[in-house]
Amino acid sequence: MERGFTDLTQAHLSVLVYPPPEGERPTDLAERTYMTKQAMNYLLGQLESLGYIERHAEKGKGRRLVHLTRRGWQVFESQWASMQQLETLWAARIGQKRFDEFVSTLQELSTLESNGADALPGAAGTPGDKPRTKPGREAGRARPIAEA
């Protein structure tokens, strides 16, 4: 990697996501990143041996929580800075107003995912679905995509 974290793989970076896994239970982190608990614990073990995280038991409880080390925070800060640079570049390219609308749309779509988008009217597989359409050859006429 350009910033010196050459020992990290894409799988490791999937664990070091926003918000950072600081004080989080491995099971919660696995759920948030759509991984099995076993896969998460395997990656956490690797990240711990590489010096990016530590796992400490909660006071008075047997649960271990994930905490970033100084090196782990450096990865997070590097990712954050890269994201900020990319957002600045995209906003300059398409204009701040359009970029803000884009971000707003992504935020709206992400809440649909977390609120069970399958239950929305017209979602694939729900009763009463209408076929998606695309414009036909004649103005104002649409035809089902399956016929295209």
N, C-alpha and C. Protein backbone atom coordinates (compact mmCIF):
# COMPACT_ATOMS: atom_id res chain seq x y z
N MET A 1 0.84 -1.19 0.00
CA MET A 1 0.00 0.00 0.00
C MET A 1 0.88 1.24 0.00
N GLU A 2 0.35 2.26 -0.55
CA GLU A 2 1.10 3.50 -0.72
C GLU A 2 1.55 4.12 0.60
N ARG A 3 0.79 3.94 1.66
CA ARG A 3 1.11 4.59 2.93
C ARG A 3 1.81 3.68 3.93
N GLY A 4 2.33 2.55 3.46
CA GLY A 4 3.17 1.72 4.30
C GLY A 4 2.49 0.58 5.01
N PHE A 5 1.24 0.27 4.72
CA PHE A 5 0.54 -0.81 5.38
C PHE A 5 0.50 -2.03 4.46
N THR A 6 1.67 -2.47 4.04
CA THR A 6 1.78 -3.54 3.05
C THR A 6 1.39 -4.91 3.58
N ASP A 7 1.26 -5.05 4.89
CA ASP A 7 0.89 -6.34 5.46
C ASP A 7 -0.62 -6.54 5.55
N LEU A 8 -1.40 -5.56 5.14
CA LEU A 8 -2.85 -5.67 5.19
C LEU A 8 -3.41 -6.18 3.87
N THR A 9 -4.43 -7.03 3.97
CA THR A 9 -5.14 -7.51 2.79
C THR A 9 -6.50 -6.83 2.72
N GLN A 10 -7.21 -7.05 1.62
CA GLN A 10 -8.55 -6.49 1.49
C GLN A 10 -9.46 -7.01 2.60
N ALA A 11 -9.29 -8.27 2.96
CA ALA A 11 -10.10 -8.83 4.06
C ALA A 11 -9.86 -8.08 5.37
N HIS A 12 -8.61 -7.74 5.64
CA HIS A 12 -8.29 -6.97 6.86
C HIS A 12 -8.96 -5.60 6.81
N LEU A 13 -8.92 -4.97 5.64
CA LEU A 13 -9.52 -3.64 5.51
C LEU A 13 -11.03 -3.69 5.68
N SER A 14 -11.64 -4.83 5.40
CA SER A 14 -13.08 -4.99 5.62
C SER A 14 -13.43 -4.90 7.10
N VAL A 15 -12.47 -5.22 7.95
CA VAL A 15 -12.68 -5.12 9.40
C VAL A 15 -12.45 -3.68 9.87
N LEU A 16 -11.50 -3.01 9.27
CA LEU A 16 -11.13 -1.65 9.68
C LEU A 16 -11.96 -0.62 8.92
N VAL A 17 -13.28 -0.72 9.08
CA VAL A 17 -14.21 0.13 8.35
C VAL A 17 -14.69 1.28 9.24
N TYR A 18 -15.42 2.21 8.63
CA TYR A 18 -16.03 3.31 9.38
C TYR A 18 -17.40 2.87 9.88
N PRO A 19 -17.78 3.18 11.08
CA PRO A 19 -16.93 3.72 12.13
C PRO A 19 -15.92 2.67 12.59
N PRO A 20 -14.79 3.14 13.07
CA PRO A 20 -13.74 2.18 13.45
C PRO A 20 -14.21 1.25 14.55
N PRO A 21 -13.67 0.04 14.58
CA PRO A 21 -14.09 -0.94 15.59
C PRO A 21 -13.46 -0.67 16.94
N GLU A 22 -13.82 0.41 17.55
CA GLU A 22 -13.24 0.80 18.84
C GLU A 22 -14.23 0.49 19.95
N GLY A 23 -13.86 -0.46 20.84
CA GLY A 23 -14.72 -0.82 21.96
C GLY A 23 -15.93 -1.64 21.52
N GLU A 24 -15.81 -2.31 20.41
CA GLU A 24 -16.93 -3.08 19.86
C GLU A 24 -16.71 -4.57 20.10
N ARG A 25 -17.80 -5.29 20.31
CA ARG A 25 -17.73 -6.73 20.46
C ARG A 25 -17.49 -7.36 19.09
N PRO A 26 -16.68 -8.40 19.02
CA PRO A 26 -16.45 -9.08 17.73
C PRO A 26 -17.74 -9.54 17.05
N THR A 27 -18.72 -9.99 17.83
CA THR A 27 -19.97 -10.45 17.22
C THR A 27 -20.73 -9.30 16.57
N ASP A 28 -20.71 -8.12 17.22
CA ASP A 28 -21.36 -6.94 16.63
C ASP A 28 -20.63 -6.49 15.37
N LEU A 29 -19.32 -6.55 15.42
CA LEU A 29 -18.52 -6.17 14.25
C LEU A 29 -18.77 -7.13 13.09
N ALA A 30 -18.88 -8.42 13.39
CA ALA A 30 -19.18 -9.41 12.35
C ALA A 30 -20.52 -9.13 11.70
N GLU A 31 -21.51 -8.83 12.51
CA GLU A 31 -22.84 -8.53 11.98
C GLU A 31 -22.82 -7.27 11.11
N ARG A 32 -22.14 -6.25 11.58
CA ARG A 32 -22.09 -4.98 10.87
C ARG A 32 -21.37 -5.09 9.53
N THR A 33 -20.43 -6.03 9.43
CA THR A 33 -19.66 -6.18 8.19
C THR A 33 -20.11 -7.38 7.37
N TYR A 34 -21.24 -7.98 7.77
CA TYR A 34 -21.82 -9.12 7.04
C TYR A 34 -20.86 -10.30 6.93
N MET A 35 -20.19 -10.61 8.04
CA MET A 35 -19.29 -11.76 8.10
C MET A 35 -19.80 -12.73 9.16
N THR A 36 -19.33 -13.96 9.06
CA THR A 36 -19.62 -14.91 10.13
C THR A 36 -18.74 -14.55 11.33
N LYS A 37 -19.16 -14.99 12.49
CA LYS A 37 -18.35 -14.74 13.70
C LYS A 37 -16.99 -15.42 13.58
N GLN A 38 -16.98 -16.60 12.97
CA GLN A 38 -15.73 -17.34 12.83
C GLN A 38 -14.75 -16.58 11.92
N ALA A 39 -15.26 -16.06 10.80
CA ALA A 39 -14.40 -15.31 9.87
C ALA A 39 -13.88 -14.04 10.55
N MET A 40 -14.76 -13.37 11.30
CA MET A 40 -14.34 -12.14 11.98
C MET A 40 -13.26 -12.45 13.01
N ASN A 41 -13.45 -13.47 13.80
CA ASN A 41 -12.45 -13.80 14.82
C ASN A 41 -11.13 -14.21 14.19
N TYR A 42 -11.17 -14.88 13.06
CA TYR A 42 -9.95 -15.25 12.35
C TYR A 42 -9.20 -13.98 11.92
N LEU A 43 -9.93 -13.03 11.32
CA LEU A 43 -9.29 -11.78 10.87
C LEU A 43 -8.81 -10.94 12.05
N LEU A 44 -9.59 -10.92 13.12
CA LEU A 44 -9.17 -10.18 14.31
C LEU A 44 -7.88 -10.76 14.88
N GLY A 45 -7.77 -12.08 14.87
CA GLY A 45 -6.53 -12.73 15.33
C GLY A 45 -5.34 -12.30 14.49
N GLN A 46 -5.53 -12.24 13.18
CA GLN A 46 -4.45 -11.79 12.30
C GLN A 46 -4.11 -10.33 12.56
N LEU A 47 -5.13 -9.48 12.67
CA LEU A 47 -4.88 -8.06 12.91
C LEU A 47 -4.20 -7.83 14.26
N GLU A 48 -4.55 -8.65 15.23
CA GLU A 48 -3.92 -8.55 16.55
C GLU A 48 -2.44 -8.93 16.46
N SER A 49 -2.14 -10.01 15.76
CA SER A 49 -0.74 -10.43 15.64
C SER A 49 0.08 -9.45 14.80
N LEU A 50 -0.59 -8.73 13.91
CA LEU A 50 0.10 -7.71 13.10
C LEU A 50 0.24 -6.37 13.83
N GLY A 51 -0.42 -6.25 14.98
CA GLY A 51 -0.28 -5.03 15.79
C GLY A 51 -1.27 -3.93 15.49
N TYR A 52 -2.39 -4.23 14.83
CA TYR A 52 -3.37 -3.21 14.48
C TYR A 52 -4.51 -3.09 15.49
N ILE A 53 -4.79 -4.18 16.19
CA ILE A 53 -5.85 -4.16 17.20
C ILE A 53 -5.39 -4.91 18.44
N GLU A 54 -6.13 -4.69 19.52
CA GLU A 54 -5.99 -5.47 20.75
C GLU A 54 -7.39 -5.84 21.19
N ARG A 55 -7.51 -6.97 21.85
CA ARG A 55 -8.79 -7.37 22.41
C ARG A 55 -8.63 -7.45 23.92
N HIS A 56 -9.48 -6.71 24.62
CA HIS A 56 -9.43 -6.67 26.09
C HIS A 56 -10.79 -7.06 26.64
N ALA A 57 -10.77 -7.77 27.78
CA ALA A 57 -12.02 -8.14 28.44
C ALA A 57 -12.66 -6.90 29.05
N GLU A 58 -13.98 -6.85 28.95
CA GLU A 58 -14.74 -5.78 29.58
C GLU A 58 -14.65 -5.95 31.09
N LYS A 59 -14.56 -4.86 31.82
CA LYS A 59 -14.49 -4.95 33.28
C LYS A 59 -15.76 -5.59 33.82
N GLY A 60 -15.57 -6.63 34.63
CA GLY A 60 -16.70 -7.30 35.26
C GLY A 60 -17.45 -8.25 34.35
N LYS A 61 -17.00 -8.40 33.11
CA LYS A 61 -17.68 -9.29 32.17
C LYS A 61 -16.62 -10.11 31.44
N GLY A 62 -17.03 -11.21 30.88
CA GLY A 62 -16.09 -12.06 30.17
C GLY A 62 -15.92 -11.68 28.70
N ARG A 63 -16.74 -10.74 28.22
CA ARG A 63 -16.68 -10.37 26.81
C ARG A 63 -15.42 -9.58 26.50
N ARG A 64 -14.83 -9.91 25.37
CA ARG A 64 -13.66 -9.16 24.93
C ARG A 64 -14.08 -8.14 23.87
N LEU A 65 -13.55 -6.94 23.99
CA LEU A 65 -13.86 -5.87 23.06
C LEU A 65 -12.64 -5.56 22.19
N VAL A 66 -12.90 -5.10 20.99
CA VAL A 66 -11.85 -4.76 20.04
C VAL A 66 -11.45 -3.30 20.25
N HIS A 67 -10.15 -3.06 20.28
CA HIS A 67 -9.62 -1.69 20.39
C HIS A 67 -8.49 -1.53 19.38
N LEU A 68 -8.48 -0.41 18.69
CA LEU A 68 -7.39 -0.13 17.76
C LEU A 68 -6.14 0.25 18.53
N THR A 69 -5.01 -0.19 18.03
CA THR A 69 -3.72 0.25 18.58
C THR A 69 -3.35 1.55 17.86
N ARG A 70 -2.23 2.11 18.23
CA ARG A 70 -1.75 3.33 17.56
C ARG A 70 -1.63 3.08 16.06
N ARG A 71 -1.09 1.92 15.69
CA ARG A 71 -0.95 1.57 14.27
C ARG A 71 -2.32 1.39 13.61
N GLY A 72 -3.28 0.83 14.33
CA GLY A 72 -4.64 0.69 13.81
C GLY A 72 -5.28 2.04 13.53
N TRP A 73 -5.05 3.00 14.45
CA TRP A 73 -5.58 4.35 14.23
C TRP A 73 -4.91 5.01 13.04
N GLN A 74 -3.65 4.71 12.80
CA GLN A 74 -2.95 5.25 11.62
C GLN A 74 -3.61 4.76 10.33
N VAL A 75 -4.00 3.49 10.31
CA VAL A 75 -4.71 2.96 9.13
C VAL A 75 -6.03 3.69 8.94
N PHE A 76 -6.78 3.83 10.03
CA PHE A 76 -8.06 4.51 9.94
C PHE A 76 -7.89 5.95 9.45
N GLU A 77 -6.93 6.66 10.01
CA GLU A 77 -6.68 8.05 9.61
C GLU A 77 -6.25 8.14 8.14
N SER A 78 -5.47 7.17 7.69
CA SER A 78 -5.05 7.13 6.29
C SER A 78 -6.25 6.90 5.37
N GLN A 79 -7.11 5.96 5.75
CA GLN A 79 -8.32 5.70 4.97
C GLN A 79 -9.21 6.94 4.94
N TRP A 80 -9.36 7.58 6.08
CA TRP A 80 -10.21 8.77 6.19
C TRP A 80 -9.67 9.89 5.29
N ALA A 81 -8.36 10.11 5.33
CA ALA A 81 -7.76 11.16 4.50
C ALA A 81 -7.94 10.85 3.01
N SER A 82 -7.78 9.59 2.64
CA SER A 82 -7.97 9.20 1.24
C SER A 82 -9.41 9.42 0.81
N MET A 83 -10.35 9.09 1.68
CA MET A 83 -11.76 9.30 1.37
C MET A 83 -12.07 10.78 1.20
N GLN A 84 -11.51 11.61 2.06
CA GLN A 84 -11.73 13.06 1.97
C GLN A 84 -11.17 13.61 0.64
N GLN A 85 -9.99 13.13 0.24
CA GLN A 85 -9.41 13.55 -1.03
C GLN A 85 -10.30 13.15 -2.20
N LEU A 86 -10.83 11.94 -2.16
CA LEU A 86 -11.69 11.47 -3.23
C LEU A 86 -12.99 12.27 -3.29
N GLU A 87 -13.58 12.56 -2.15
CA GLU A 87 -14.80 13.36 -2.11
C GLU A 87 -14.55 14.76 -2.66
N THR A 88 -13.42 15.34 -2.32
CA THR A 88 -13.07 16.67 -2.83
C THR A 88 -12.91 16.62 -4.35
N LEU A 89 -12.25 15.60 -4.84
CA LEU A 89 -12.07 15.43 -6.29
C LEU A 89 -13.41 15.27 -7.00
N TRP A 90 -14.27 14.41 -6.47
CA TRP A 90 -15.58 14.19 -7.10
C TRP A 90 -16.44 15.46 -7.06
N ALA A 91 -16.43 16.17 -5.94
CA ALA A 91 -17.21 17.40 -5.84
C ALA A 91 -16.71 18.44 -6.84
N ALA A 92 -15.41 18.52 -7.02
CA ALA A 92 -14.85 19.45 -8.01
C ALA A 92 -15.24 19.04 -9.42
N ARG A 93 -15.31 17.76 -9.65
CA ARG A 93 -15.62 17.24 -10.99
C ARG A 93 -17.08 17.48 -11.38
N ILE A 94 -18.02 17.21 -10.46
CA ILE A 94 -19.44 17.32 -10.82
C ILE A 94 -20.14 18.51 -10.16
N GLY A 95 -19.44 19.23 -9.32
CA GLY A 95 -20.05 20.36 -8.62
C GLY A 95 -20.52 19.95 -7.23
N GLN A 96 -20.35 20.86 -6.28
CA GLN A 96 -20.68 20.57 -4.89
C GLN A 96 -22.14 20.21 -4.71
N LYS A 97 -23.04 20.93 -5.40
CA LYS A 97 -24.47 20.67 -5.24
C LYS A 97 -24.82 19.26 -5.69
N ARG A 98 -24.35 18.85 -6.86
CA ARG A 98 -24.63 17.50 -7.35
C ARG A 98 -24.00 16.45 -6.45
N PHE A 99 -22.80 16.73 -5.96
CA PHE A 99 -22.14 15.77 -5.07
C PHE A 99 -22.94 15.61 -3.77
N ASP A 100 -23.41 16.72 -3.21
CA ASP A 100 -24.21 16.65 -1.99
C ASP A 100 -25.50 15.85 -2.22
N GLU A 101 -26.13 16.03 -3.40
CA GLU A 101 -27.32 15.26 -3.74
C GLU A 101 -26.98 13.76 -3.85
N PHE A 102 -25.84 13.46 -4.43
CA PHE A 102 -25.37 12.09 -4.56
C PHE A 102 -25.20 11.45 -3.19
N VAL A 103 -24.54 12.14 -2.29
CA VAL A 103 -24.31 11.62 -0.93
C VAL A 103 -25.65 11.43 -0.22
N SER A 104 -26.55 12.39 -0.38
CA SER A 104 -27.87 12.29 0.24
C SER A 104 -28.63 11.06 -0.28
N THR A 105 -28.54 10.81 -1.58
CA THR A 105 -29.20 9.65 -2.17
C THR A 105 -28.60 8.36 -1.63
N LEU A 106 -27.28 8.30 -1.54
CA LEU A 106 -26.63 7.10 -0.98
C LEU A 106 -27.05 6.86 0.46
N GLN A 107 -27.14 7.93 1.25
CA GLN A 107 -27.58 7.78 2.64
C GLN A 107 -29.01 7.27 2.71
N GLU A 108 -29.87 7.77 1.83
CA GLU A 108 -31.25 7.31 1.79
C GLU A 108 -31.32 5.83 1.43
N LEU A 109 -30.55 5.43 0.43
CA LEU A 109 -30.55 4.03 0.01
C LEU A 109 -29.98 3.12 1.10
N SER A 110 -28.99 3.60 1.84
CA SER A 110 -28.42 2.77 2.90
C SER A 110 -29.42 2.54 4.02
N THR A 111 -30.32 3.49 4.27
CA THR A 111 -31.34 3.27 5.29
C THR A 111 -32.37 2.28 4.81
N LEU A 112 -32.62 2.21 3.50
CA LEU A 112 -33.54 1.20 2.97
C LEU A 112 -32.99 -0.19 3.24
N GLU A 113 -31.69 -0.37 3.02
CA GLU A 113 -31.05 -1.67 3.25
C GLU A 113 -31.20 -2.09 4.71
N SER A 114 -30.97 -1.17 5.62
CA SER A 114 -31.02 -1.53 7.03
C SER A 114 -32.46 -1.65 7.55
N ASN A 115 -33.42 -1.10 6.81
CA ASN A 115 -34.82 -1.19 7.23
C ASN A 115 -35.59 -2.27 6.50
N GLY A 116 -34.91 -3.15 5.78
CA GLY A 116 -35.59 -4.24 5.09
C GLY A 116 -36.20 -3.80 3.78
N ALA A 117 -35.39 -3.47 2.81
CA ALA A 117 -35.87 -2.96 1.52
C ALA A 117 -36.76 -3.96 0.81
N ASP A 118 -36.65 -5.25 1.12
CA ASP A 118 -37.48 -6.25 0.44
C ASP A 118 -38.96 -6.04 0.73
N ALA A 119 -39.28 -5.36 1.82
CA ALA A 119 -40.68 -5.17 2.16
C ALA A 119 -41.31 -3.99 1.44
N LEU A 120 -40.53 -3.25 0.67
CA LEU A 120 -41.06 -2.09 -0.01
C LEU A 120 -41.92 -2.49 -1.19
N PRO A 121 -42.99 -1.73 -1.48
CA PRO A 121 -43.82 -2.03 -2.64
C PRO A 121 -42.97 -1.99 -3.92
N GLY A 122 -43.19 -2.96 -4.77
CA GLY A 122 -42.46 -2.99 -6.03
C GLY A 122 -41.10 -3.63 -5.94
N ALA A 123 -40.68 -4.05 -4.73
CA ALA A 123 -39.39 -4.72 -4.60
C ALA A 123 -39.49 -6.07 -5.28
N ALA A 124 -38.39 -6.52 -5.84
CA ALA A 124 -38.40 -7.77 -6.57
C ALA A 124 -38.96 -8.90 -5.71
N GLY A 125 -39.85 -9.68 -6.31
CA GLY A 125 -40.37 -10.84 -5.62
C GLY A 125 -41.60 -10.57 -4.77
N THR A 126 -42.10 -9.33 -4.73
CA THR A 126 -43.28 -9.06 -3.94
C THR A 126 -44.51 -9.18 -4.83
N PRO A 127 -45.65 -9.56 -4.24
CA PRO A 127 -46.87 -9.69 -5.03
C PRO A 127 -47.23 -8.38 -5.71
N GLY A 128 -47.76 -8.48 -6.92
CA GLY A 128 -48.19 -7.28 -7.63
C GLY A 128 -47.07 -6.54 -8.32
N ASP A 129 -45.90 -7.17 -8.41
CA ASP A 129 -44.78 -6.50 -9.11
C ASP A 129 -45.16 -6.21 -10.55
N LYS A 130 -44.78 -5.07 -11.00
CA LYS A 130 -44.93 -4.72 -12.41
C LYS A 130 -43.57 -4.90 -13.05
N PRO A 131 -43.52 -5.38 -14.29
CA PRO A 131 -42.21 -5.54 -14.92
C PRO A 131 -41.54 -4.18 -15.11
N ARG A 132 -40.23 -4.17 -14.91
CA ARG A 132 -39.48 -2.94 -15.19
C ARG A 132 -39.57 -2.67 -16.67
N THR A 133 -39.55 -1.40 -17.04
CA THR A 133 -39.69 -1.07 -18.46
C THR A 133 -38.56 -0.17 -18.90
N LYS A 134 -38.37 -0.14 -20.20
CA LYS A 134 -37.45 0.82 -20.78
C LYS A 134 -38.15 1.41 -21.99
N PRO A 135 -37.74 2.59 -22.43
CA PRO A 135 -38.44 3.25 -23.52
C PRO A 135 -38.49 2.37 -24.76
N GLY A 136 -39.67 2.37 -25.42
CA GLY A 136 -39.83 1.65 -26.69
C GLY A 136 -39.36 2.52 -27.84
N ARG A 137 -39.55 2.03 -29.03
CA ARG A 137 -39.13 2.78 -30.22
C ARG A 137 -40.01 3.98 -30.47
N GLU A 138 -41.26 3.89 -30.00
CA GLU A 138 -42.19 4.99 -30.22
C GLU A 138 -42.17 5.90 -28.99
N ALA A 139 -42.26 7.19 -29.22
CA ALA A 139 -42.21 8.15 -28.12
C ALA A 139 -43.34 7.87 -27.12
N GLY A 140 -43.02 7.87 -25.85
CA GLY A 140 -44.01 7.72 -24.80
C GLY A 140 -44.47 6.29 -24.58
N ARG A 141 -44.00 5.34 -25.34
CA ARG A 141 -44.41 3.95 -25.18
C ARG A 141 -43.29 3.17 -24.49
N ALA A 142 -43.67 2.38 -23.52
CA ALA A 142 -42.67 1.58 -22.81
C ALA A 142 -42.96 0.11 -23.07
N ARG A 143 -41.93 -0.69 -23.01
CA ARG A 143 -42.11 -2.14 -23.16
C ARG A 143 -41.34 -2.84 -22.06
N PRO A 144 -41.81 -4.02 -21.66
CA PRO A 144 -41.09 -4.75 -20.60
C PRO A 144 -39.66 -5.07 -21.04
N ILE A 145 -38.74 -5.03 -20.09
CA ILE A 145 -37.33 -5.30 -20.38
C ILE A 145 -37.16 -6.70 -20.92
N ALA A 146 -37.94 -7.66 -20.41
CA ALA A 146 -37.79 -9.05 -20.85
C ALA A 146 -38.03 -9.21 -22.34
N GLU A 147 -38.80 -8.32 -22.95
CA GLU A 147 -39.10 -8.39 -24.37
C GLU A 147 -38.03 -7.73 -25.22
N ALA A 148 -37.15 -7.00 -24.62
CA ALA A 148 -36.15 -6.22 -25.37
C ALA A 148 -35.19 -7.11 -26.12
